[in-house]
Amino acid sequence: MGIRWQKPIFKALAIGLFVFIVVGPLSSVVLWSVAIKWYWPHVLPQEIGLAYWKQALGLQRDWAIAAVSIWDAFKNSMIVSIVATVITMALAIPAAYALAKLRLPLKAVFLLLFLMPKVFPQQPIFVNLLPVFTRWGLAGTLPGVMLIHILVCLLFGTWISTSAFKAIPESLEEAARSVGATRWQAFWRILMPLAAPGLLVSTVFVFVTSLTEFTGTFFLGLPFVTTLPMLLYSASGYNMQFASVLALVLLVPSLLFMVLTERIFRPEHLGSLGR
């Protein structure tokens, strides 16, 4: 009898802990985004409204609430993230195939080289890159910020894509080659469809990493390039409501990509990729 009651209680406690850890902070952000007045010691906002959302979305102008339109920053974030993701994956997929399937000397060294931007603290790296970017005319420009995002994201794109190709048995490619397929045909008709789920995960991870990248954009994009993370950083020091709106806006593209990934990863869709 005691064991029968222990399982539901344990499950309820686990669900409650999950809700507290995940939903709790998010609900606080949602409340802050609609709070017009919220002062201690009140548990809930004394006055709620959509004034900060309207200001952020450019639907009204009210300088009294100290919020600005986010559309320019949103446009910059999306342009930088999409371009950085496309270029990163265009570089990462061939590199991952070579590292996973070809016999290359010093293969482990090449994989470690992709880790270099993350091995050392990022601030000194970006500070040292600033004079170089300034000489090249890339500091404070969208192309310069894109280049930094590619540098940061190439690690994840290459490592995750390499794992996706390594998971495919070599016998499948050898079987295709034995019946007359070229290496190029085996790559496109056998390896790419089978590696597609892993490459999709890599693409989503690269996009989300670029979308939320702050440090490189801060050091090499200021003062002319403003993205959503930079706007969030500046707003968090003086306006909790506006910062909460920005945080929720940043969540939207990530959630959409995660929903897309979940749908593609359904068993019936995965089965069709290998045909």
C-alpha atoms as a PDB file:
ATOM      1  CA  MET A   1       0.000   0.000   0.000  1.00  0.00           C
ATOM      2  CA  GLY A   2       2.800   2.375   0.892  1.00  0.00           C
ATOM      3  CA  ILE A   3       4.702   1.611  -2.332  1.00  0.00           C
ATOM      4  CA  ARG A   4       1.548   2.256  -4.397  1.00  0.00           C
ATOM      5  CA  TRP A   5       1.279   5.767  -2.942  1.00  0.00           C
ATOM      6  CA  GLN A   6       4.973   6.524  -3.179  1.00  0.00           C
ATOM      7  CA  LYS A   7       5.103   6.463  -6.996  1.00  0.00           C
ATOM      8  CA  PRO A   8       2.333   9.082  -7.587  1.00  0.00           C
ATOM      9  CA  ILE A   9       3.801  11.308  -4.858  1.00  0.00           C
ATOM     10  CA  PHE A  10       7.291  11.031  -6.335  1.00  0.00           C
ATOM     11  CA  LYS A  11       5.933  11.764  -9.818  1.00  0.00           C
ATOM     12  CA  ALA A  12       3.991  14.786  -8.557  1.00  0.00           C
ATOM     13  CA  LEU A  13       7.070  16.125  -6.775  1.00  0.00           C
ATOM     14  CA  ALA A  14       9.180  15.631  -9.914  1.00  0.00           C
ATOM     15  CA  ILE A  15       6.612  17.464 -12.063  1.00  0.00           C
ATOM     16  CA  GLY A  16       6.363  20.234  -9.485  1.00  0.00           C
ATOM     17  CA  LEU A  17      10.137  20.628  -9.400  1.00  0.00           C
ATOM     18  CA  PHE A  18      10.271  20.745 -13.209  1.00  0.00           C
ATOM     19  CA  VAL A  19       7.533  23.404 -13.330  1.00  0.00           C
ATOM     20  CA  PHE A  20       9.282  25.420 -10.627  1.00  0.00           C
ATOM     21  CA  ILE A  21      12.670  25.330 -12.396  1.00  0.00           C
ATOM     22  CA  VAL A  22      11.500  25.823 -16.008  1.00  0.00           C
ATOM     23  CA  VAL A  23       8.094  27.516 -15.920  1.00  0.00           C
ATOM     24  CA  GLY A  24       8.759  29.619 -12.816  1.00  0.00           C
ATOM     25  CA  PRO A  25      11.404  31.936 -14.281  1.00  0.00           C
ATOM     26  CA  LEU A  26       9.529  32.137 -17.578  1.00  0.00           C
ATOM     27  CA  SER A  27       6.282  33.116 -15.841  1.00  0.00           C
ATOM     28  CA  SER A  28       8.174  35.858 -14.010  1.00  0.00           C
ATOM     29  CA  VAL A  29       9.426  37.218 -17.345  1.00  0.00           C
ATOM     30  CA  VAL A  30       5.887  37.125 -18.761  1.00  0.00           C
ATOM     31  CA  LEU A  31       4.563  39.031 -15.734  1.00  0.00           C
ATOM     32  CA  TRP A  32       7.302  41.648 -15.997  1.00  0.00           C
ATOM     33  CA  SER A  33       6.559  42.159 -19.703  1.00  0.00           C
ATOM     34  CA  VAL A  34       2.979  43.270 -18.923  1.00  0.00           C
ATOM     35  CA  ALA A  35       3.645  45.000 -15.594  1.00  0.00           C
ATOM     36  CA  ILE A  36       3.126  48.753 -15.678  1.00  0.00           C
ATOM     37  CA  LYS A  37       3.634  49.086 -11.912  1.00  0.00           C
ATOM     38  CA  TRP A  38       5.132  46.388  -9.716  1.00  0.00           C
ATOM     39  CA  TYR A  39       6.707  47.454  -6.467  1.00  0.00           C
ATOM     40  CA  TRP A  40       7.870  45.544  -3.433  1.00  0.00           C
ATOM     41  CA  PRO A  41       6.369  43.974  -1.316  1.00  0.00           C
ATOM     42  CA  HIS A  42       3.514  43.170  -3.724  1.00  0.00           C
ATOM     43  CA  VAL A  43       3.602  39.593  -5.034  1.00  0.00           C
ATOM     44  CA  LEU A  44       1.803  40.483  -8.281  1.00  0.00           C
ATOM     45  CA  PRO A  45       1.877  43.667 -10.400  1.00  0.00           C
ATOM     46  CA  GLN A  46      -0.365  46.468  -9.197  1.00  0.00           C
ATOM     47  CA  GLU A  47      -1.078  47.536 -12.777  1.00  0.00           C
ATOM     48  CA  ILE A  48      -0.777  45.556 -15.992  1.00  0.00           C
ATOM     49  CA  GLY A  49      -0.980  46.512 -19.649  1.00  0.00           C
ATOM     50  CA  LEU A  50       0.627  46.115 -23.065  1.00  0.00           C
ATOM     51  CA  ALA A  51       2.322  49.515 -23.195  1.00  0.00           C
ATOM     52  CA  TYR A  52       5.831  48.055 -23.337  1.00  0.00           C
ATOM     53  CA  TRP A  53       4.840  45.543 -26.010  1.00  0.00           C
ATOM     54  CA  LYS A  54       3.256  48.274 -28.131  1.00  0.00           C
ATOM     55  CA  GLN A  55       6.328  50.444 -27.769  1.00  0.00           C
ATOM     56  CA  ALA A  56       8.686  47.565 -28.606  1.00  0.00           C
ATOM     57  CA  LEU A  57       6.636  46.573 -31.656  1.00  0.00           C
ATOM     58  CA  GLY A  58       6.482  50.169 -32.880  1.00  0.00           C
ATOM     59  CA  LEU A  59       2.721  50.515 -32.379  1.00  0.00           C
ATOM     60  CA  GLN A  60       3.027  53.598 -30.191  1.00  0.00           C
ATOM     61  CA  ARG A  61       5.561  56.147 -28.990  1.00  0.00           C
ATOM     62  CA  ASP A  62       5.696  56.990 -25.324  1.00  0.00           C
ATOM     63  CA  TRP A  63       9.090  58.158 -24.086  1.00  0.00           C
ATOM     64  CA  ALA A  64       7.796  58.111 -20.505  1.00  0.00           C
ATOM     65  CA  ILE A  65       8.173  54.316 -20.335  1.00  0.00           C
ATOM     66  CA  ALA A  66      11.773  54.357 -21.617  1.00  0.00           C
ATOM     67  CA  ALA A  67      11.373  51.725 -24.334  1.00  0.00           C
ATOM     68  CA  VAL A  68      12.171  51.838 -28.045  1.00  0.00           C
ATOM     69  CA  SER A  69      11.138  49.938 -31.157  1.00  0.00           C
ATOM     70  CA  ILE A  70      12.992  46.644 -31.546  1.00  0.00           C
ATOM     71  CA  TRP A  71      12.476  46.224 -35.294  1.00  0.00           C
ATOM     72  CA  ASP A  72      15.908  47.455 -36.380  1.00  0.00           C
ATOM     73  CA  ALA A  73      17.643  45.214 -33.843  1.00  0.00           C
ATOM     74  CA  PHE A  74      15.380  42.292 -34.794  1.00  0.00           C
ATOM     75  CA  LYS A  75      16.141  42.786 -38.488  1.00  0.00           C
ATOM     76  CA  ASN A  76      19.887  42.886 -37.799  1.00  0.00           C
ATOM     77  CA  SER A  77      19.677  39.755 -35.646  1.00  0.00           C
ATOM     78  CA  MET A  78      17.771  37.784 -38.269  1.00  0.00           C
ATOM     79  CA  ILE A  79      20.016  38.880 -41.160  1.00  0.00           C
ATOM     80  CA  VAL A  80      23.204  38.080 -39.241  1.00  0.00           C
ATOM     81  CA  SER A  81      21.885  34.749 -37.908  1.00  0.00           C
ATOM     82  CA  ILE A  82      20.537  33.482 -41.240  1.00  0.00           C
ATOM     83  CA  VAL A  83      23.647  34.450 -43.222  1.00  0.00           C
ATOM     84  CA  ALA A  84      25.973  33.112 -40.515  1.00  0.00           C
ATOM     85  CA  THR A  85      24.034  29.836 -40.355  1.00  0.00           C
ATOM     86  CA  VAL A  86      24.083  29.309 -44.132  1.00  0.00           C
ATOM     87  CA  ILE A  87      27.813  30.030 -44.454  1.00  0.00           C
ATOM     88  CA  THR A  88      28.693  28.049 -41.320  1.00  0.00           C
ATOM     89  CA  MET A  89      26.845  24.942 -42.506  1.00  0.00           C
ATOM     90  CA  ALA A  90      28.248  25.314 -46.034  1.00  0.00           C
ATOM     91  CA  LEU A  91      31.720  25.131 -44.467  1.00  0.00           C
ATOM     92  CA  ALA A  92      30.882  22.634 -41.714  1.00  0.00           C
ATOM     93  CA  ILE A  93      29.233  19.901 -43.806  1.00  0.00           C
ATOM     94  CA  PRO A  94      32.195  19.245 -46.166  1.00  0.00           C
ATOM     95  CA  ALA A  95      34.620  19.542 -43.238  1.00  0.00           C
ATOM     96  CA  ALA A  96      32.527  17.144 -41.142  1.00  0.00           C
ATOM     97  CA  TYR A  97      32.337  14.609 -43.990  1.00  0.00           C
ATOM     98  CA  ALA A  98      36.102  14.733 -44.462  1.00  0.00           C
ATOM     99  CA  LEU A  99      36.761  14.382 -40.725  1.00  0.00           C
ATOM    100  CA  ALA A 100      34.279  11.532 -40.354  1.00  0.00           C
ATOM    101  CA  LYS A 101      34.828   9.471 -43.502  1.00  0.00           C
ATOM    102  CA  LEU A 102      38.225  10.260 -45.023  1.00  0.00           C
ATOM    103  CA  ARG A 103      41.614   9.078 -43.816  1.00  0.00           C
ATOM    104  CA  LEU A 104      43.260  12.375 -42.979  1.00  0.00           C
ATOM    105  CA  PRO A 105      46.544  12.899 -41.141  1.00  0.00           C
ATOM    106  CA  LEU A 106      46.249  14.784 -37.847  1.00  0.00           C
ATOM    107  CA  LYS A 107      42.465  14.474 -37.888  1.00  0.00           C
ATOM    108  CA  ALA A 108      42.253  14.898 -34.113  1.00  0.00           C
ATOM    109  CA  VAL A 109      44.324  18.083 -34.360  1.00  0.00           C
ATOM    110  CA  PHE A 110      41.900  19.574 -36.888  1.00  0.00           C
ATOM    111  CA  LEU A 111      38.957  18.792 -34.609  1.00  0.00           C
ATOM    112  CA  LEU A 112      40.750  20.441 -31.701  1.00  0.00           C
ATOM    113  CA  LEU A 113      41.422  23.536 -33.807  1.00  0.00           C
ATOM    114  CA  PHE A 114      37.680  24.093 -34.093  1.00  0.00           C
ATOM    115  CA  LEU A 115      37.579  24.204 -30.293  1.00  0.00           C
ATOM    116  CA  MET A 116      40.117  27.031 -30.060  1.00  0.00           C
ATOM    117  CA  PRO A 117      37.566  29.900 -29.972  1.00  0.00           C
ATOM    118  CA  LYS A 118      35.973  28.234 -26.917  1.00  0.00           C
ATOM    119  CA  VAL A 119      39.143  27.069 -25.155  1.00  0.00           C
ATOM    120  CA  PHE A 120      40.266  30.571 -24.221  1.00  0.00           C
ATOM    121  CA  PRO A 121      38.159  33.392 -22.712  1.00  0.00           C
ATOM    122  CA  GLN A 122      36.310  35.109 -25.525  1.00  0.00           C
ATOM    123  CA  GLN A 123      36.868  38.688 -24.385  1.00  0.00           C
ATOM    124  CA  PRO A 124      40.670  38.707 -24.983  1.00  0.00           C
ATOM    125  CA  ILE A 125      40.156  37.042 -28.384  1.00  0.00           C
ATOM    126  CA  PHE A 126      37.670  39.659 -29.548  1.00  0.00           C
ATOM    127  CA  VAL A 127      39.707  42.535 -28.122  1.00  0.00           C
ATOM    128  CA  ASN A 128      42.739  41.323 -30.106  1.00  0.00           C
ATOM    129  CA  LEU A 129      40.613  40.918 -33.228  1.00  0.00           C
ATOM    130  CA  LEU A 130      39.292  44.480 -32.986  1.00  0.00           C
ATOM    131  CA  PRO A 131      42.436  46.195 -34.411  1.00  0.00           C
ATOM    132  CA  VAL A 132      42.518  43.658 -37.256  1.00  0.00           C
ATOM    133  CA  PHE A 133      38.851  44.211 -38.081  1.00  0.00           C
ATOM    134  CA  THR A 134      39.382  47.975 -37.862  1.00  0.00           C
ATOM    135  CA  ARG A 135      42.210  47.815 -40.433  1.00  0.00           C
ATOM    136  CA  TRP A 136      40.051  45.706 -42.716  1.00  0.00           C
ATOM    137  CA  GLY A 137      37.092  48.070 -42.363  1.00  0.00           C
ATOM    138  CA  LEU A 138      34.924  45.367 -40.759  1.00  0.00           C
ATOM    139  CA  ALA A 139      34.561  46.802 -37.252  1.00  0.00           C
ATOM    140  CA  GLY A 140      31.083  48.157 -36.610  1.00  0.00           C
ATOM    141  CA  THR A 141      29.640  46.540 -39.761  1.00  0.00           C
ATOM    142  CA  LEU A 142      27.161  43.729 -40.408  1.00  0.00           C
ATOM    143  CA  PRO A 143      29.702  41.696 -42.457  1.00  0.00           C
ATOM    144  CA  GLY A 144      32.167  41.954 -39.565  1.00  0.00           C
ATOM    145  CA  VAL A 145      29.576  40.743 -37.067  1.00  0.00           C
ATOM    146  CA  MET A 146      28.615  37.903 -39.431  1.00  0.00           C
ATOM    147  CA  LEU A 147      32.263  36.851 -39.636  1.00  0.00           C
ATOM    148  CA  ILE A 148      32.529  36.751 -35.845  1.00  0.00           C
ATOM    149  CA  HIS A 149      29.331  34.707 -35.576  1.00  0.00           C
ATOM    150  CA  ILE A 150      30.670  32.233 -38.136  1.00  0.00           C
ATOM    151  CA  LEU A 151      33.861  31.911 -36.090  1.00  0.00           C
ATOM    152  CA  VAL A 152      31.848  31.196 -32.944  1.00  0.00           C
ATOM    153  CA  CYS A 153      29.339  28.843 -34.602  1.00  0.00           C
ATOM    154  CA  LEU A 154      31.763  26.814 -36.717  1.00  0.00           C
ATOM    155  CA  LEU A 155      32.683  24.760 -33.655  1.00  0.00           C
ATOM    156  CA  PHE A 156      29.123  23.516 -33.116  1.00  0.00           C
ATOM    157  CA  GLY A 157      28.387  23.096 -36.811  1.00  0.00           C
ATOM    158  CA  THR A 158      31.487  20.976 -37.409  1.00  0.00           C
ATOM    159  CA  TRP A 159      31.402  18.834 -34.282  1.00  0.00           C
ATOM    160  CA  ILE A 160      27.690  17.980 -34.432  1.00  0.00           C
ATOM    161  CA  SER A 161      27.808  17.348 -38.199  1.00  0.00           C
ATOM    162  CA  THR A 162      30.886  15.140 -37.777  1.00  0.00           C
ATOM    163  CA  SER A 163      28.990  13.041 -35.236  1.00  0.00           C
ATOM    164  CA  ALA A 164      26.062  12.754 -37.667  1.00  0.00           C
ATOM    165  CA  PHE A 165      28.306  11.392 -40.441  1.00  0.00           C
ATOM    166  CA  LYS A 166      30.217   9.103 -38.070  1.00  0.00           C
ATOM    167  CA  ALA A 167      26.950   7.467 -36.987  1.00  0.00           C
ATOM    168  CA  ILE A 168      26.383   6.153 -40.545  1.00  0.00           C
ATOM    169  CA  PRO A 169      27.995   2.736 -41.105  1.00  0.00           C
ATOM    170  CA  GLU A 170      30.731   2.778 -43.728  1.00  0.00           C
ATOM    171  CA  SER A 171      29.251  -0.412 -45.226  1.00  0.00           C
ATOM    172  CA  LEU A 172      26.360   1.603 -46.690  1.00  0.00           C
ATOM    173  CA  GLU A 173      28.679   3.870 -48.650  1.00  0.00           C
ATOM    174  CA  GLU A 174      30.816   0.900 -49.696  1.00  0.00           C
ATOM    175  CA  ALA A 175      27.712  -0.933 -50.933  1.00  0.00           C
ATOM    176  CA  ALA A 176      26.745   2.048 -53.070  1.00  0.00           C
ATOM    177  CA  ARG A 177      30.283   2.282 -54.473  1.00  0.00           C
ATOM    178  CA  SER A 178      30.289  -1.446 -55.258  1.00  0.00           C
ATOM    179  CA  VAL A 179      27.298  -1.093 -57.597  1.00  0.00           C
ATOM    180  CA  GLY A 180      28.883   1.743 -59.563  1.00  0.00           C
ATOM    181  CA  ALA A 181      28.054   4.899 -57.612  1.00  0.00           C
ATOM    182  CA  THR A 182      30.739   7.562 -57.494  1.00  0.00           C
ATOM    183  CA  ARG A 183      31.825   9.050 -54.174  1.00  0.00           C
ATOM    184  CA  TRP A 184      29.805  12.154 -55.032  1.00  0.00           C
ATOM    185  CA  GLN A 185      26.664  10.090 -55.786  1.00  0.00           C
ATOM    186  CA  ALA A 186      27.099   8.047 -52.607  1.00  0.00           C
ATOM    187  CA  PHE A 187      27.437  11.263 -50.646  1.00  0.00           C
ATOM    188  CA  TRP A 188      24.255  12.881 -51.992  1.00  0.00           C
ATOM    189  CA  ARG A 189      22.044   9.785 -52.288  1.00  0.00           C
ATOM    190  CA  ILE A 190      23.149   7.770 -49.253  1.00  0.00           C
ATOM    191  CA  LEU A 191      25.011   9.832 -46.675  1.00  0.00           C
ATOM    192  CA  MET A 192      23.143  13.133 -46.880  1.00  0.00           C
ATOM    193  CA  PRO A 193      19.614  11.669 -46.450  1.00  0.00           C
ATOM    194  CA  LEU A 194      20.768   9.525 -43.535  1.00  0.00           C
ATOM    195  CA  ALA A 195      22.707  12.378 -41.902  1.00  0.00           C
ATOM    196  CA  ALA A 196      19.891  14.902 -42.479  1.00  0.00           C
ATOM    197  CA  PRO A 197      18.407  14.678 -38.932  1.00  0.00           C
ATOM    198  CA  GLY A 198      21.812  15.284 -37.340  1.00  0.00           C
ATOM    199  CA  LEU A 199      22.579  18.088 -39.785  1.00  0.00           C
ATOM    200  CA  LEU A 200      19.230  19.674 -38.976  1.00  0.00           C
ATOM    201  CA  VAL A 201      20.093  19.622 -35.275  1.00  0.00           C
ATOM    202  CA  SER A 202      23.440  21.197 -36.116  1.00  0.00           C
ATOM    203  CA  THR A 203      21.726  23.910 -38.185  1.00  0.00           C
ATOM    204  CA  VAL A 204      19.240  24.724 -35.425  1.00  0.00           C
ATOM    205  CA  PHE A 205      22.020  24.854 -32.832  1.00  0.00           C
ATOM    206  CA  VAL A 206      24.103  27.141 -35.038  1.00  0.00           C
ATOM    207  CA  PHE A 207      21.148  29.462 -35.674  1.00  0.00           C
ATOM    208  CA  VAL A 208      20.229  29.722 -31.987  1.00  0.00           C
ATOM    209  CA  THR A 209      23.884  30.282 -31.042  1.00  0.00           C
ATOM    210  CA  SER A 210      24.192  33.089 -33.582  1.00  0.00           C
ATOM    211  CA  LEU A 211      20.862  34.610 -32.572  1.00  0.00           C
ATOM    212  CA  THR A 212      21.928  34.834 -28.919  1.00  0.00           C
ATOM    213  CA  GLU A 213      25.613  35.713 -29.475  1.00  0.00           C
ATOM    214  CA  PHE A 214      26.497  38.813 -27.487  1.00  0.00           C
ATOM    215  CA  THR A 215      30.202  39.090 -26.641  1.00  0.00           C
ATOM    216  CA  GLY A 216      31.601  39.187 -30.177  1.00  0.00           C
ATOM    217  CA  THR A 217      28.848  41.527 -31.354  1.00  0.00           C
ATOM    218  CA  PHE A 218      29.497  43.827 -28.409  1.00  0.00           C
ATOM    219  CA  PHE A 219      33.243  44.171 -29.001  1.00  0.00           C
ATOM    220  CA  LEU A 220      33.232  44.239 -32.806  1.00  0.00           C
ATOM    221  CA  GLY A 221      29.779  45.582 -33.684  1.00  0.00           C
ATOM    222  CA  LEU A 222      29.514  48.677 -31.517  1.00  0.00           C
ATOM    223  CA  PRO A 223      28.435  51.371 -31.990  1.00  0.00           C
ATOM    224  CA  PHE A 224      26.790  50.844 -35.371  1.00  0.00           C
ATOM    225  CA  VAL A 225      25.399  47.289 -35.189  1.00  0.00           C
ATOM    226  CA  THR A 226      22.706  46.597 -32.592  1.00  0.00           C
ATOM    227  CA  THR A 227      21.177  43.129 -32.251  1.00  0.00           C
ATOM    228  CA  LEU A 228      18.498  41.863 -29.883  1.00  0.00           C
ATOM    229  CA  PRO A 229      20.978  40.468 -27.292  1.00  0.00           C
ATOM    230  CA  MET A 230      22.772  43.833 -27.176  1.00  0.00           C
ATOM    231  CA  LEU A 231      19.477  45.673 -26.803  1.00  0.00           C
ATOM    232  CA  LEU A 232      18.486  43.245 -24.043  1.00  0.00           C
ATOM    233  CA  TYR A 233      21.795  43.833 -22.249  1.00  0.00           C
ATOM    234  CA  SER A 234      21.405  47.602 -22.316  1.00  0.00           C
ATOM    235  CA  ALA A 235      17.728  47.456 -21.272  1.00  0.00           C
ATOM    236  CA  SER A 236      18.302  45.054 -18.362  1.00  0.00           C
ATOM    237  CA  GLY A 237      20.122  47.764 -16.425  1.00  0.00           C
ATOM    238  CA  TYR A 238      17.324  50.324 -16.404  1.00  0.00           C
ATOM    239  CA  ASN A 239      14.027  48.808 -17.556  1.00  0.00           C
ATOM    240  CA  MET A 240      12.988  45.335 -16.404  1.00  0.00           C
ATOM    241  CA  GLN A 241       9.711  45.446 -18.336  1.00  0.00           C
ATOM    242  CA  PHE A 242      11.356  46.247 -21.657  1.00  0.00           C
ATOM    243  CA  ALA A 243      14.110  43.679 -21.012  1.00  0.00           C
ATOM    244  CA  SER A 244      11.426  41.024 -20.376  1.00  0.00           C
ATOM    245  CA  VAL A 245       9.712  41.868 -23.665  1.00  0.00           C
ATOM    246  CA  LEU A 246      13.051  41.472 -25.462  1.00  0.00           C
ATOM    247  CA  ALA A 247      13.718  38.158 -23.724  1.00  0.00           C
ATOM    248  CA  LEU A 248      10.372  36.769 -24.886  1.00  0.00           C
ATOM    249  CA  VAL A 249      10.917  38.029 -28.432  1.00  0.00           C
ATOM    250  CA  LEU A 250      14.285  36.248 -28.474  1.00  0.00           C
ATOM    251  CA  LEU A 251      12.533  33.032 -27.446  1.00  0.00           C
ATOM    252  CA  VAL A 252      10.154  33.024 -30.428  1.00  0.00           C
ATOM    253  CA  PRO A 253      12.583  32.059 -33.262  1.00  0.00           C
ATOM    254  CA  SER A 254      14.260  29.457 -31.056  1.00  0.00           C
ATOM    255  CA  LEU A 255      10.918  27.878 -30.144  1.00  0.00           C
ATOM    256  CA  LEU A 256       9.804  27.848 -33.782  1.00  0.00           C
ATOM    257  CA  PHE A 257      12.987  26.055 -34.811  1.00  0.00           C
ATOM    258  CA  MET A 258      12.607  23.573 -31.967  1.00  0.00           C
ATOM    259  CA  VAL A 259       9.005  22.810 -33.001  1.00  0.00           C
ATOM    260  CA  LEU A 260      10.171  22.322 -36.598  1.00  0.00           C
ATOM    261  CA  THR A 261      12.918  19.964 -35.420  1.00  0.00           C
ATOM    262  CA  GLU A 262      10.463  17.975 -33.282  1.00  0.00           C
ATOM    263  CA  ARG A 263       8.131  17.533 -36.240  1.00  0.00           C
ATOM    264  CA  ILE A 264      10.900  16.387 -38.568  1.00  0.00           C
ATOM    265  CA  PHE A 265      12.206  13.973 -35.934  1.00  0.00           C
ATOM    266  CA  ARG A 266       8.938  12.071 -35.820  1.00  0.00           C
ATOM    267  CA  PRO A 267       9.482   8.369 -36.697  1.00  0.00           C
ATOM    268  CA  GLU A 268       7.357   8.484 -39.856  1.00  0.00           C
ATOM    269  CA  HIS A 269       9.377  11.424 -41.195  1.00  0.00           C
ATOM    270  CA  LEU A 270      12.734   9.915 -40.245  1.00  0.00           C
ATOM    271  CA  GLY A 271      11.797   6.718 -42.042  1.00  0.00           C
ATOM    272  CA  SER A 272      11.153   8.610 -45.256  1.00  0.00           C
ATOM    273  CA  LEU A 273      14.549  10.347 -45.157  1.00  0.00           C
ATOM    274  CA  GLY A 274      16.416   7.139 -45.748  1.00  0.00           C
ATOM    275  CA  ARG A 275      14.403   6.106 -48.816  1.00  0.00           C
END
